[in-house]
N, C-alpha and C. Protein backbone atom coordinates (compact mmCIF):
# COMPACT_ATOMS: atom_id res chain seq x y z
N UNK A 1 -4.70 17.95 -55.28
CA UNK A 1 -3.87 16.75 -55.18
C UNK A 1 -2.40 17.13 -55.19
N UNK A 2 -1.64 16.66 -54.21
CA UNK A 2 -0.22 16.91 -54.17
C UNK A 2 0.52 16.04 -55.16
N UNK A 3 1.68 16.50 -55.59
CA UNK A 3 2.46 15.74 -56.56
C UNK A 3 2.82 14.36 -56.01
N UNK A 4 3.03 14.25 -54.71
CA UNK A 4 3.39 12.97 -54.13
C UNK A 4 2.23 11.98 -54.15
N UNK A 5 1.00 12.48 -54.35
CA UNK A 5 -0.18 11.61 -54.42
C UNK A 5 -0.44 11.11 -55.83
N UNK A 6 0.29 11.60 -56.78
CA UNK A 6 0.03 11.31 -58.18
C UNK A 6 0.71 10.03 -58.61
N UNK A 7 0.11 9.31 -59.60
CA UNK A 7 0.81 8.19 -60.20
C UNK A 7 2.10 8.67 -60.85
N UNK A 8 3.05 7.80 -60.95
CA UNK A 8 4.32 8.16 -61.56
C UNK A 8 4.12 8.44 -63.05
N UNK A 9 4.66 9.52 -63.53
CA UNK A 9 4.62 9.84 -64.96
C UNK A 9 6.01 9.68 -65.53
N UNK A 10 6.16 8.80 -66.48
CA UNK A 10 7.46 8.58 -67.10
C UNK A 10 7.72 9.67 -68.12
N UNK A 11 8.86 10.32 -68.02
CA UNK A 11 9.22 11.38 -68.95
C UNK A 11 10.25 10.87 -69.94
N UNK A 12 10.03 11.16 -71.21
CA UNK A 12 11.00 10.82 -72.22
C UNK A 12 11.52 12.11 -72.82
N UNK A 13 12.80 12.37 -72.65
CA UNK A 13 13.36 13.63 -73.12
C UNK A 13 14.46 13.43 -74.15
N UNK A 14 15.15 12.28 -74.11
CA UNK A 14 16.24 12.05 -75.05
C UNK A 14 15.75 11.63 -76.42
N UNK A 15 16.68 11.49 -77.34
CA UNK A 15 16.31 11.10 -78.69
C UNK A 15 16.37 9.59 -78.88
N UNK A 16 16.82 8.85 -77.87
CA UNK A 16 16.88 7.41 -77.99
C UNK A 16 18.11 6.99 -78.78
N UNK A 17 18.57 5.77 -78.53
CA UNK A 17 19.72 5.27 -79.26
C UNK A 17 19.33 4.95 -80.69
N UNK A 18 20.31 4.84 -81.55
CA UNK A 18 20.02 4.52 -82.95
C UNK A 18 19.37 3.14 -83.06
N UNK A 19 19.77 2.22 -82.20
CA UNK A 19 19.17 0.88 -82.21
C UNK A 19 17.70 0.94 -81.82
N UNK A 20 17.38 1.73 -80.80
CA UNK A 20 15.98 1.88 -80.39
C UNK A 20 15.15 2.53 -81.48
N UNK A 21 15.71 3.54 -82.12
CA UNK A 21 14.97 4.22 -83.19
C UNK A 21 14.74 3.28 -84.37
N UNK A 22 15.72 2.47 -84.70
CA UNK A 22 15.57 1.51 -85.79
C UNK A 22 14.49 0.47 -85.46
N UNK A 23 14.48 0.03 -84.21
CA UNK A 23 13.46 -0.94 -83.80
C UNK A 23 12.07 -0.32 -83.82
N UNK A 24 11.95 0.93 -83.38
CA UNK A 24 10.66 1.62 -83.42
C UNK A 24 10.17 1.77 -84.86
N UNK A 25 11.09 2.11 -85.77
CA UNK A 25 10.72 2.25 -87.17
C UNK A 25 10.28 0.91 -87.75
N UNK A 26 10.97 -0.15 -87.41
CA UNK A 26 10.61 -1.48 -87.93
C UNK A 26 9.20 -1.86 -87.47
N UNK A 27 8.91 -1.69 -86.19
CA UNK A 27 7.60 -2.06 -85.66
C UNK A 27 6.48 -1.24 -86.32
N UNK A 28 6.75 0.05 -86.52
CA UNK A 28 5.72 0.92 -87.10
C UNK A 28 5.51 0.60 -88.57
N UNK A 29 6.60 0.40 -89.30
CA UNK A 29 6.50 0.05 -90.72
C UNK A 29 5.73 -1.25 -90.92
N UNK A 30 6.03 -2.25 -90.11
CA UNK A 30 5.36 -3.54 -90.25
C UNK A 30 3.88 -3.45 -89.88
N UNK A 31 3.56 -2.68 -88.83
CA UNK A 31 2.17 -2.51 -88.44
C UNK A 31 1.38 -1.77 -89.51
N UNK A 32 2.01 -0.76 -90.13
CA UNK A 32 1.34 -0.01 -91.20
C UNK A 32 1.08 -0.89 -92.41
N UNK A 33 2.06 -1.70 -92.76
CA UNK A 33 1.91 -2.59 -93.91
C UNK A 33 0.81 -3.62 -93.68
N UNK A 34 0.73 -4.13 -92.46
CA UNK A 34 -0.27 -5.14 -92.13
C UNK A 34 -1.68 -4.55 -92.14
N UNK A 35 -1.84 -3.35 -91.56
CA UNK A 35 -3.17 -2.76 -91.42
C UNK A 35 -3.61 -2.04 -92.70
N UNK A 36 -2.66 -1.45 -93.43
CA UNK A 36 -2.99 -0.69 -94.64
C UNK A 36 -2.10 -1.17 -95.80
N UNK A 37 -2.32 -2.39 -96.27
CA UNK A 37 -1.41 -2.99 -97.27
C UNK A 37 -1.36 -2.26 -98.60
N UNK A 38 -2.40 -1.52 -98.93
CA UNK A 38 -2.45 -0.84 -100.23
C UNK A 38 -2.05 0.63 -100.16
N UNK A 39 -1.78 1.11 -98.97
CA UNK A 39 -1.46 2.53 -98.80
C UNK A 39 0.00 2.81 -99.18
N UNK A 40 0.23 3.98 -99.76
CA UNK A 40 1.58 4.47 -100.03
C UNK A 40 1.92 5.53 -98.99
N UNK A 41 3.20 5.64 -98.67
CA UNK A 41 3.61 6.53 -97.59
C UNK A 41 4.63 7.54 -98.10
N UNK A 42 4.45 8.79 -97.69
CA UNK A 42 5.35 9.87 -98.07
C UNK A 42 6.12 10.35 -96.83
N UNK A 43 7.36 10.73 -97.04
CA UNK A 43 8.11 11.35 -95.95
C UNK A 43 7.59 12.77 -95.76
N UNK A 44 7.31 13.13 -94.52
CA UNK A 44 6.71 14.45 -94.24
C UNK A 44 7.57 15.59 -94.76
N UNK A 45 8.88 15.41 -94.81
CA UNK A 45 9.76 16.49 -95.23
C UNK A 45 9.57 16.84 -96.71
N UNK A 46 8.98 15.93 -97.48
CA UNK A 46 8.79 16.17 -98.91
C UNK A 46 7.45 16.82 -99.24
N UNK A 47 6.61 17.03 -98.23
CA UNK A 47 5.26 17.55 -98.47
C UNK A 47 5.29 19.06 -98.72
N UNK A 48 4.59 19.48 -99.75
CA UNK A 48 4.40 20.90 -100.05
C UNK A 48 2.90 21.17 -100.15
N UNK A 49 2.38 21.93 -99.22
CA UNK A 49 0.96 22.23 -99.22
C UNK A 49 0.62 23.26 -100.29
N UNK A 50 -0.60 23.14 -100.80
CA UNK A 50 -1.09 24.12 -101.78
C UNK A 50 -1.43 25.44 -101.09
N UNK A 51 -1.84 25.35 -99.84
CA UNK A 51 -2.26 26.55 -99.12
C UNK A 51 -1.12 27.08 -98.27
N UNK A 52 -1.09 28.38 -98.08
CA UNK A 52 -0.02 29.04 -97.35
C UNK A 52 -0.56 29.77 -96.14
N UNK A 53 0.33 30.07 -95.23
CA UNK A 53 -0.06 30.78 -94.02
C UNK A 53 0.41 30.03 -92.79
N UNK A 54 0.20 30.63 -91.65
CA UNK A 54 0.71 30.08 -90.39
C UNK A 54 0.18 28.67 -90.11
N UNK A 55 -1.09 28.43 -90.41
CA UNK A 55 -1.69 27.13 -90.13
C UNK A 55 -1.05 26.01 -90.93
N UNK A 56 -0.37 26.35 -92.02
CA UNK A 56 0.16 25.33 -92.92
C UNK A 56 1.68 25.22 -92.86
N UNK A 57 2.29 25.96 -91.96
CA UNK A 57 3.75 25.91 -91.83
C UNK A 57 4.18 24.64 -91.11
N UNK A 58 5.24 24.03 -91.61
CA UNK A 58 5.77 22.81 -91.01
C UNK A 58 7.14 23.08 -90.40
N UNK A 59 7.43 22.48 -89.26
CA UNK A 59 8.73 22.68 -88.63
C UNK A 59 9.82 21.89 -89.34
N UNK A 60 11.05 22.18 -89.01
CA UNK A 60 12.15 21.37 -89.51
C UNK A 60 12.26 20.08 -88.72
N UNK A 61 13.11 19.18 -89.17
CA UNK A 61 13.34 17.95 -88.44
C UNK A 61 12.20 16.97 -88.45
N UNK A 62 11.46 16.91 -89.57
CA UNK A 62 10.30 16.01 -89.63
C UNK A 62 10.53 14.85 -90.60
N UNK A 63 11.80 14.60 -90.95
CA UNK A 63 12.07 13.56 -91.93
C UNK A 63 11.79 12.16 -91.39
N UNK A 64 11.59 12.00 -90.06
CA UNK A 64 11.28 10.69 -89.51
C UNK A 64 9.79 10.39 -89.47
N UNK A 65 8.96 11.29 -90.00
CA UNK A 65 7.51 11.12 -89.97
C UNK A 65 7.02 10.67 -91.35
N UNK A 66 6.22 9.60 -91.38
CA UNK A 66 5.63 9.13 -92.64
C UNK A 66 4.15 9.50 -92.66
N UNK A 67 3.67 9.87 -93.85
CA UNK A 67 2.29 10.33 -94.01
C UNK A 67 1.61 9.49 -95.09
N UNK A 68 0.42 9.01 -94.81
CA UNK A 68 -0.35 8.27 -95.82
C UNK A 68 -0.60 9.18 -97.02
N UNK A 69 -0.28 8.69 -98.21
CA UNK A 69 -0.43 9.51 -99.40
C UNK A 69 -1.88 9.93 -99.62
N UNK A 70 -2.83 9.11 -99.19
CA UNK A 70 -4.24 9.43 -99.38
C UNK A 70 -4.68 10.64 -98.56
N UNK A 71 -3.87 11.06 -97.59
CA UNK A 71 -4.18 12.27 -96.82
C UNK A 71 -3.87 13.54 -97.59
N UNK A 72 -3.11 13.42 -98.67
CA UNK A 72 -2.68 14.61 -99.42
C UNK A 72 -3.72 14.96 -100.47
N UNK A 73 -4.84 15.49 -100.01
CA UNK A 73 -5.97 15.78 -100.89
C UNK A 73 -5.89 17.15 -101.54
N UNK A 74 -5.10 18.06 -100.97
CA UNK A 74 -5.05 19.43 -101.47
C UNK A 74 -6.17 20.30 -100.93
N UNK A 75 -7.10 19.72 -100.17
CA UNK A 75 -8.20 20.50 -99.59
C UNK A 75 -7.69 21.30 -98.39
N UNK A 76 -8.20 22.50 -98.25
CA UNK A 76 -7.68 23.41 -97.22
C UNK A 76 -7.80 22.83 -95.82
N UNK A 77 -8.99 22.34 -95.46
CA UNK A 77 -9.17 21.81 -94.12
C UNK A 77 -8.31 20.58 -93.87
N UNK A 78 -8.17 19.74 -94.90
CA UNK A 78 -7.34 18.55 -94.77
C UNK A 78 -5.87 18.93 -94.56
N UNK A 79 -5.41 19.92 -95.29
CA UNK A 79 -4.02 20.35 -95.14
C UNK A 79 -3.78 20.98 -93.77
N UNK A 80 -4.76 21.74 -93.29
CA UNK A 80 -4.62 22.36 -91.96
C UNK A 80 -4.53 21.28 -90.88
N UNK A 81 -5.40 20.28 -90.97
CA UNK A 81 -5.38 19.19 -89.99
C UNK A 81 -4.08 18.40 -90.07
N UNK A 82 -3.62 18.12 -91.27
CA UNK A 82 -2.39 17.35 -91.43
C UNK A 82 -1.19 18.11 -90.89
N UNK A 83 -1.12 19.40 -91.13
CA UNK A 83 -0.02 20.21 -90.60
C UNK A 83 0.00 20.15 -89.07
N UNK A 84 -1.17 20.20 -88.45
CA UNK A 84 -1.26 20.12 -87.00
C UNK A 84 -0.77 18.75 -86.51
N UNK A 85 -1.16 17.68 -87.21
CA UNK A 85 -0.76 16.34 -86.80
C UNK A 85 0.74 16.12 -87.00
N UNK A 86 1.31 16.72 -88.02
CA UNK A 86 2.76 16.60 -88.22
C UNK A 86 3.50 17.31 -87.09
N UNK A 87 3.01 18.47 -86.67
CA UNK A 87 3.65 19.17 -85.55
C UNK A 87 3.55 18.33 -84.27
N UNK A 88 2.43 17.65 -84.08
CA UNK A 88 2.30 16.77 -82.92
C UNK A 88 3.25 15.58 -83.04
N UNK A 89 3.30 15.00 -84.22
CA UNK A 89 4.17 13.83 -84.43
C UNK A 89 5.63 14.17 -84.18
N UNK A 90 6.04 15.39 -84.51
CA UNK A 90 7.44 15.79 -84.32
C UNK A 90 7.85 15.73 -82.84
N UNK A 91 6.92 16.03 -81.96
CA UNK A 91 7.22 15.95 -80.53
C UNK A 91 7.65 14.53 -80.16
N UNK A 92 6.99 13.55 -80.77
CA UNK A 92 7.28 12.16 -80.46
C UNK A 92 8.53 11.67 -81.18
N UNK A 93 8.74 12.08 -82.42
CA UNK A 93 9.95 11.65 -83.11
C UNK A 93 11.19 12.29 -82.51
N UNK A 94 11.03 13.47 -81.91
CA UNK A 94 12.16 14.13 -81.26
C UNK A 94 12.67 13.35 -80.04
N UNK A 95 11.83 12.48 -79.48
CA UNK A 95 12.26 11.68 -78.33
C UNK A 95 12.48 10.22 -78.74
N UNK A 96 12.62 9.98 -80.05
CA UNK A 96 13.02 8.66 -80.50
C UNK A 96 11.92 7.78 -81.05
N UNK A 97 10.68 8.27 -81.10
CA UNK A 97 9.58 7.46 -81.61
C UNK A 97 9.54 7.47 -83.13
N UNK A 98 8.87 6.46 -83.68
CA UNK A 98 8.57 6.41 -85.11
C UNK A 98 7.08 6.66 -85.26
N UNK A 99 6.70 7.56 -86.17
CA UNK A 99 5.29 7.93 -86.31
C UNK A 99 4.86 7.85 -87.77
N UNK A 100 3.77 7.13 -88.02
CA UNK A 100 3.10 7.11 -89.32
C UNK A 100 1.73 7.73 -89.13
N UNK A 101 1.41 8.77 -89.90
CA UNK A 101 0.08 9.38 -89.86
C UNK A 101 -0.83 8.63 -90.82
N UNK A 102 -1.95 8.17 -90.30
CA UNK A 102 -2.76 7.15 -90.97
C UNK A 102 -3.83 7.71 -91.90
N UNK A 103 -4.20 6.92 -92.90
CA UNK A 103 -5.30 7.33 -93.79
C UNK A 103 -6.62 7.36 -93.03
N UNK A 104 -7.56 8.12 -93.56
CA UNK A 104 -8.89 8.15 -92.98
C UNK A 104 -9.58 6.82 -93.24
N UNK A 105 -10.35 6.36 -92.24
CA UNK A 105 -11.10 5.12 -92.39
C UNK A 105 -12.44 5.40 -93.05
N UNK A 106 -12.92 4.46 -93.83
CA UNK A 106 -14.22 4.60 -94.48
C UNK A 106 -15.04 3.36 -94.18
N UNK A 107 -16.37 3.55 -94.09
CA UNK A 107 -17.25 2.40 -93.84
C UNK A 107 -17.71 1.80 -95.17
N UNK A 108 -18.65 0.87 -95.10
CA UNK A 108 -19.11 0.17 -96.31
C UNK A 108 -19.77 1.10 -97.31
N UNK A 109 -20.28 2.23 -96.83
CA UNK A 109 -20.93 3.21 -97.71
C UNK A 109 -19.97 4.31 -98.15
N UNK A 110 -18.66 4.08 -97.93
CA UNK A 110 -17.60 5.02 -98.32
C UNK A 110 -17.67 6.34 -97.57
N UNK A 111 -18.24 6.30 -96.39
CA UNK A 111 -18.27 7.49 -95.54
C UNK A 111 -17.14 7.40 -94.52
N UNK A 112 -16.58 8.55 -94.19
CA UNK A 112 -15.49 8.55 -93.21
C UNK A 112 -16.01 8.12 -91.84
N UNK A 113 -15.22 7.32 -91.15
CA UNK A 113 -15.58 6.88 -89.81
C UNK A 113 -14.42 7.17 -88.87
N UNK A 114 -14.72 7.16 -87.57
CA UNK A 114 -13.71 7.49 -86.57
C UNK A 114 -12.64 6.41 -86.48
N UNK A 115 -11.42 6.83 -86.29
CA UNK A 115 -10.32 5.90 -86.15
C UNK A 115 -9.11 6.62 -85.63
N UNK A 116 -8.07 5.90 -85.24
CA UNK A 116 -6.86 6.54 -84.71
C UNK A 116 -6.15 7.37 -85.76
N UNK A 117 -5.39 8.37 -85.31
CA UNK A 117 -4.67 9.26 -86.22
C UNK A 117 -3.32 8.73 -86.64
N UNK A 118 -2.69 7.91 -85.78
CA UNK A 118 -1.30 7.56 -86.03
C UNK A 118 -0.92 6.20 -85.48
N UNK A 119 0.14 5.67 -86.04
CA UNK A 119 0.87 4.56 -85.44
C UNK A 119 2.12 5.14 -84.80
N UNK A 120 2.32 4.85 -83.54
CA UNK A 120 3.52 5.31 -82.82
C UNK A 120 4.23 4.08 -82.29
N UNK A 121 5.42 3.83 -82.83
CA UNK A 121 6.17 2.63 -82.44
C UNK A 121 5.34 1.37 -82.59
N UNK A 122 4.54 1.34 -83.65
CA UNK A 122 3.75 0.17 -83.97
C UNK A 122 2.41 0.07 -83.26
N UNK A 123 2.05 1.09 -82.47
CA UNK A 123 0.82 1.07 -81.69
C UNK A 123 -0.08 2.22 -82.12
N UNK A 124 -1.38 1.97 -82.23
CA UNK A 124 -2.33 2.99 -82.65
C UNK A 124 -2.53 4.04 -81.56
N UNK A 125 -2.53 5.32 -81.99
CA UNK A 125 -2.77 6.44 -81.08
C UNK A 125 -3.74 7.43 -81.72
N UNK A 126 -4.53 8.05 -80.88
CA UNK A 126 -5.35 9.20 -81.28
C UNK A 126 -4.66 10.46 -80.80
N UNK A 127 -4.53 11.46 -81.68
CA UNK A 127 -3.91 12.73 -81.35
C UNK A 127 -4.98 13.78 -81.06
N UNK A 128 -4.78 14.55 -80.01
CA UNK A 128 -5.65 15.69 -79.72
C UNK A 128 -4.78 16.89 -79.35
N UNK A 129 -5.17 18.06 -79.85
CA UNK A 129 -4.47 19.31 -79.56
C UNK A 129 -5.37 20.18 -78.70
N UNK A 130 -4.84 20.71 -77.59
CA UNK A 130 -5.65 21.46 -76.64
C UNK A 130 -5.06 22.85 -76.45
N UNK A 131 -5.85 23.86 -76.75
CA UNK A 131 -5.38 25.24 -76.62
C UNK A 131 -6.18 26.02 -75.57
N UNK A 132 -7.26 25.45 -75.08
CA UNK A 132 -8.12 26.18 -74.15
C UNK A 132 -7.87 25.85 -72.70
N UNK A 133 -8.92 25.96 -71.90
CA UNK A 133 -8.84 25.76 -70.46
C UNK A 133 -8.73 24.28 -70.12
N UNK A 134 -8.51 24.01 -68.84
CA UNK A 134 -8.31 22.65 -68.37
C UNK A 134 -9.50 21.75 -68.69
N UNK A 135 -10.70 22.31 -68.73
CA UNK A 135 -11.88 21.50 -69.06
C UNK A 135 -11.75 20.83 -70.42
N UNK A 136 -10.97 21.45 -71.32
CA UNK A 136 -10.77 20.87 -72.66
C UNK A 136 -9.98 19.57 -72.58
N UNK A 137 -9.15 19.43 -71.57
CA UNK A 137 -8.40 18.18 -71.41
C UNK A 137 -9.37 17.02 -71.23
N UNK A 138 -10.33 17.20 -70.34
CA UNK A 138 -11.32 16.15 -70.12
C UNK A 138 -12.15 15.88 -71.37
N UNK A 139 -12.61 16.94 -72.02
CA UNK A 139 -13.44 16.77 -73.21
C UNK A 139 -12.70 16.03 -74.31
N UNK A 140 -11.47 16.40 -74.56
CA UNK A 140 -10.71 15.77 -75.63
C UNK A 140 -10.29 14.35 -75.26
N UNK A 141 -10.00 14.12 -74.00
CA UNK A 141 -9.68 12.76 -73.56
C UNK A 141 -10.87 11.85 -73.77
N UNK A 142 -12.05 12.28 -73.37
CA UNK A 142 -13.26 11.47 -73.56
C UNK A 142 -13.48 11.17 -75.04
N UNK A 143 -13.33 12.19 -75.87
CA UNK A 143 -13.55 12.01 -77.30
C UNK A 143 -12.54 11.03 -77.90
N UNK A 144 -11.30 11.14 -77.46
CA UNK A 144 -10.25 10.30 -78.03
C UNK A 144 -10.44 8.83 -77.69
N UNK A 145 -11.04 8.54 -76.55
CA UNK A 145 -11.19 7.15 -76.12
C UNK A 145 -12.19 6.38 -76.96
N UNK A 146 -12.99 7.07 -77.74
CA UNK A 146 -13.90 6.39 -78.66
C UNK A 146 -13.20 6.02 -79.96
N UNK A 147 -11.97 6.52 -80.15
CA UNK A 147 -11.22 6.30 -81.39
C UNK A 147 -10.00 5.42 -81.20
N UNK A 148 -9.44 5.41 -80.00
CA UNK A 148 -8.26 4.59 -79.75
C UNK A 148 -8.07 4.42 -78.25
N UNK A 149 -7.51 3.27 -77.85
CA UNK A 149 -7.19 3.06 -76.44
C UNK A 149 -6.02 3.93 -76.00
N UNK A 150 -5.18 4.31 -76.96
CA UNK A 150 -3.99 5.09 -76.65
C UNK A 150 -4.17 6.52 -77.13
N UNK A 151 -3.80 7.47 -76.27
CA UNK A 151 -4.12 8.89 -76.49
C UNK A 151 -2.86 9.74 -76.34
N UNK A 152 -2.69 10.68 -77.27
CA UNK A 152 -1.62 11.67 -77.14
C UNK A 152 -2.23 13.06 -77.13
N UNK A 153 -2.09 13.77 -76.02
CA UNK A 153 -2.62 15.12 -75.88
C UNK A 153 -1.47 16.12 -75.95
N UNK A 154 -1.57 17.07 -76.87
CA UNK A 154 -0.61 18.17 -76.96
C UNK A 154 -1.30 19.39 -76.36
N UNK A 155 -0.80 19.84 -75.22
CA UNK A 155 -1.47 20.89 -74.45
C UNK A 155 -0.68 22.18 -74.57
N UNK A 156 -1.25 23.14 -75.29
CA UNK A 156 -0.55 24.38 -75.59
C UNK A 156 -0.81 25.52 -74.61
N UNK A 157 -1.66 25.28 -73.63
CA UNK A 157 -1.93 26.30 -72.61
C UNK A 157 -0.81 26.25 -71.56
N UNK A 158 0.02 27.29 -71.44
CA UNK A 158 1.16 27.26 -70.51
C UNK A 158 0.75 27.29 -69.05
N UNK A 159 -0.54 27.53 -68.77
CA UNK A 159 -1.01 27.55 -67.39
C UNK A 159 -1.41 26.17 -66.88
N UNK A 160 -1.40 25.18 -67.76
CA UNK A 160 -1.78 23.82 -67.38
C UNK A 160 -0.52 23.01 -67.07
N UNK A 161 -0.45 22.44 -65.88
CA UNK A 161 0.72 21.67 -65.45
C UNK A 161 0.51 20.18 -65.61
N UNK A 162 1.57 19.43 -65.40
CA UNK A 162 1.48 17.97 -65.42
C UNK A 162 0.49 17.47 -64.38
N UNK A 163 0.57 18.03 -63.17
CA UNK A 163 -0.33 17.61 -62.10
C UNK A 163 -1.78 17.95 -62.44
N UNK A 164 -2.01 19.10 -63.08
CA UNK A 164 -3.36 19.47 -63.50
C UNK A 164 -3.94 18.41 -64.43
N UNK A 165 -3.14 17.99 -65.41
CA UNK A 165 -3.61 17.00 -66.39
C UNK A 165 -3.93 15.68 -65.70
N UNK A 166 -3.03 15.21 -64.87
CA UNK A 166 -3.23 13.92 -64.22
C UNK A 166 -4.43 13.94 -63.29
N UNK A 167 -4.64 15.03 -62.57
CA UNK A 167 -5.79 15.15 -61.68
C UNK A 167 -7.09 15.17 -62.46
N UNK A 168 -7.09 15.88 -63.59
CA UNK A 168 -8.32 15.97 -64.40
C UNK A 168 -8.66 14.62 -65.02
N UNK A 169 -7.65 13.90 -65.51
CA UNK A 169 -7.92 12.58 -66.10
C UNK A 169 -8.38 11.62 -65.02
N UNK A 170 -7.77 11.69 -63.84
CA UNK A 170 -8.19 10.82 -62.73
C UNK A 170 -9.66 11.10 -62.39
N UNK A 171 -10.04 12.35 -62.32
CA UNK A 171 -11.44 12.69 -62.01
C UNK A 171 -12.38 12.16 -63.09
N UNK A 172 -11.94 12.25 -64.34
CA UNK A 172 -12.75 11.75 -65.45
C UNK A 172 -12.97 10.25 -65.34
N UNK A 173 -11.89 9.51 -65.07
CA UNK A 173 -11.98 8.06 -64.98
C UNK A 173 -12.89 7.61 -63.85
N UNK A 174 -13.00 8.43 -62.81
CA UNK A 174 -13.82 8.07 -61.66
C UNK A 174 -15.25 8.58 -61.78
N UNK A 175 -15.55 9.28 -62.88
CA UNK A 175 -16.91 9.80 -63.08
C UNK A 175 -17.87 8.65 -63.40
N UNK A 176 -19.07 8.74 -62.89
CA UNK A 176 -20.06 7.69 -63.12
C UNK A 176 -20.45 7.56 -64.58
N UNK A 177 -20.36 8.68 -65.31
CA UNK A 177 -20.78 8.64 -66.71
C UNK A 177 -19.64 8.28 -67.66
N UNK A 178 -18.47 7.97 -67.13
CA UNK A 178 -17.35 7.56 -67.98
C UNK A 178 -17.40 6.05 -68.15
N UNK A 179 -17.45 5.58 -69.40
CA UNK A 179 -17.65 4.15 -69.68
C UNK A 179 -16.63 3.58 -70.66
N UNK A 180 -15.53 4.30 -70.90
CA UNK A 180 -14.59 3.87 -71.94
C UNK A 180 -13.41 3.05 -71.43
N UNK A 181 -13.45 2.64 -70.16
CA UNK A 181 -12.43 1.76 -69.64
C UNK A 181 -11.10 2.43 -69.32
N UNK A 182 -10.14 1.61 -68.88
CA UNK A 182 -8.85 2.14 -68.45
C UNK A 182 -7.67 1.46 -69.12
N UNK A 183 -7.94 0.70 -70.17
CA UNK A 183 -6.82 0.09 -70.90
C UNK A 183 -6.10 1.15 -71.73
N UNK A 184 -4.87 0.85 -72.09
CA UNK A 184 -4.13 1.74 -72.99
C UNK A 184 -3.20 2.70 -72.29
N UNK A 185 -2.63 3.58 -73.10
CA UNK A 185 -1.59 4.52 -72.65
C UNK A 185 -2.04 5.95 -72.87
N UNK A 186 -1.73 6.80 -71.90
CA UNK A 186 -1.90 8.24 -72.05
C UNK A 186 -0.53 8.86 -72.20
N UNK A 187 -0.34 9.60 -73.27
CA UNK A 187 0.86 10.42 -73.45
C UNK A 187 0.40 11.86 -73.54
N UNK A 188 1.13 12.77 -72.92
CA UNK A 188 0.78 14.17 -73.07
C UNK A 188 2.03 15.03 -73.01
N UNK A 189 1.98 16.10 -73.79
CA UNK A 189 3.07 17.07 -73.87
C UNK A 189 2.53 18.41 -73.41
N UNK A 190 3.21 19.03 -72.46
CA UNK A 190 2.72 20.32 -71.97
C UNK A 190 3.72 21.42 -72.32
N UNK A 191 3.17 22.53 -72.76
CA UNK A 191 4.02 23.66 -73.15
C UNK A 191 4.66 24.31 -71.93
N UNK A 192 4.08 24.12 -70.75
CA UNK A 192 4.62 24.74 -69.54
C UNK A 192 6.07 24.33 -69.29
N UNK A 193 6.39 23.05 -69.54
CA UNK A 193 7.75 22.55 -69.31
C UNK A 193 8.42 22.08 -70.60
N UNK A 194 7.64 21.91 -71.67
CA UNK A 194 8.20 21.38 -72.90
C UNK A 194 8.53 19.90 -72.81
N UNK A 195 7.94 19.21 -71.84
CA UNK A 195 8.22 17.79 -71.65
C UNK A 195 7.04 16.92 -72.04
N UNK A 196 7.35 15.66 -72.33
CA UNK A 196 6.34 14.69 -72.71
C UNK A 196 6.32 13.57 -71.69
N UNK A 197 5.12 13.17 -71.30
CA UNK A 197 4.94 12.16 -70.26
C UNK A 197 4.13 10.98 -70.78
N UNK A 198 4.45 9.79 -70.31
CA UNK A 198 3.75 8.57 -70.68
C UNK A 198 3.34 7.82 -69.42
N UNK A 199 2.13 7.25 -69.45
CA UNK A 199 1.70 6.42 -68.31
C UNK A 199 0.55 5.52 -68.77
N UNK A 200 0.35 4.44 -68.03
CA UNK A 200 -0.79 3.58 -68.26
C UNK A 200 -2.02 4.27 -67.67
N UNK A 201 -3.11 4.25 -68.44
CA UNK A 201 -4.31 4.94 -67.99
C UNK A 201 -4.84 4.33 -66.71
N UNK A 202 -4.73 3.02 -66.55
CA UNK A 202 -5.24 2.36 -65.36
C UNK A 202 -4.54 2.86 -64.08
N UNK A 203 -3.32 3.38 -64.22
CA UNK A 203 -2.61 3.90 -63.05
C UNK A 203 -3.24 5.16 -62.49
N UNK A 204 -4.07 5.81 -63.30
CA UNK A 204 -4.68 7.07 -62.89
C UNK A 204 -6.05 6.86 -62.21
N UNK A 205 -6.58 5.65 -62.26
CA UNK A 205 -7.93 5.39 -61.75
C UNK A 205 -8.01 5.65 -60.24
């Protein structure tokens, strides 16, 4: 597929005006309070993990990210996952978004159930990190659609381009075995260019 055949991908590269950032924070704060009224929120910059090493290192400039206090369990796997989600959230806050990382959902039997990872500008998103081949884009996109209509893919493979991602998602949406619909937003960040793109999923059908 040629680039001219692709749906338009909106790129957000700036940090946004202070007014826009304040509005994004207001929408996210209010959505978090409405959906999780009993949850307490910590600023990501204040978090100190019990475990050390590369997997648990946090970048600078994360003071705009809020984290559900219930996520701070001290368990190794939980801390590793949270560190990854904070790194993903930073990509979005760097372009002016407000991000709250959400508590795990539990069912009536107190078992964890699938749900979105974050509120971004007041809207629920599922985060996925992709380090492998292009086929992982499709696999993670399919998985994410069972958890949220809105998806953020962080693609760390420098060989995967914007056009590659859009073509793979388009092929997925047109597959006979794909049944998760086309509502919502796809956001993805590619290491090849260091840019983040946003588009309506229905535009890729």
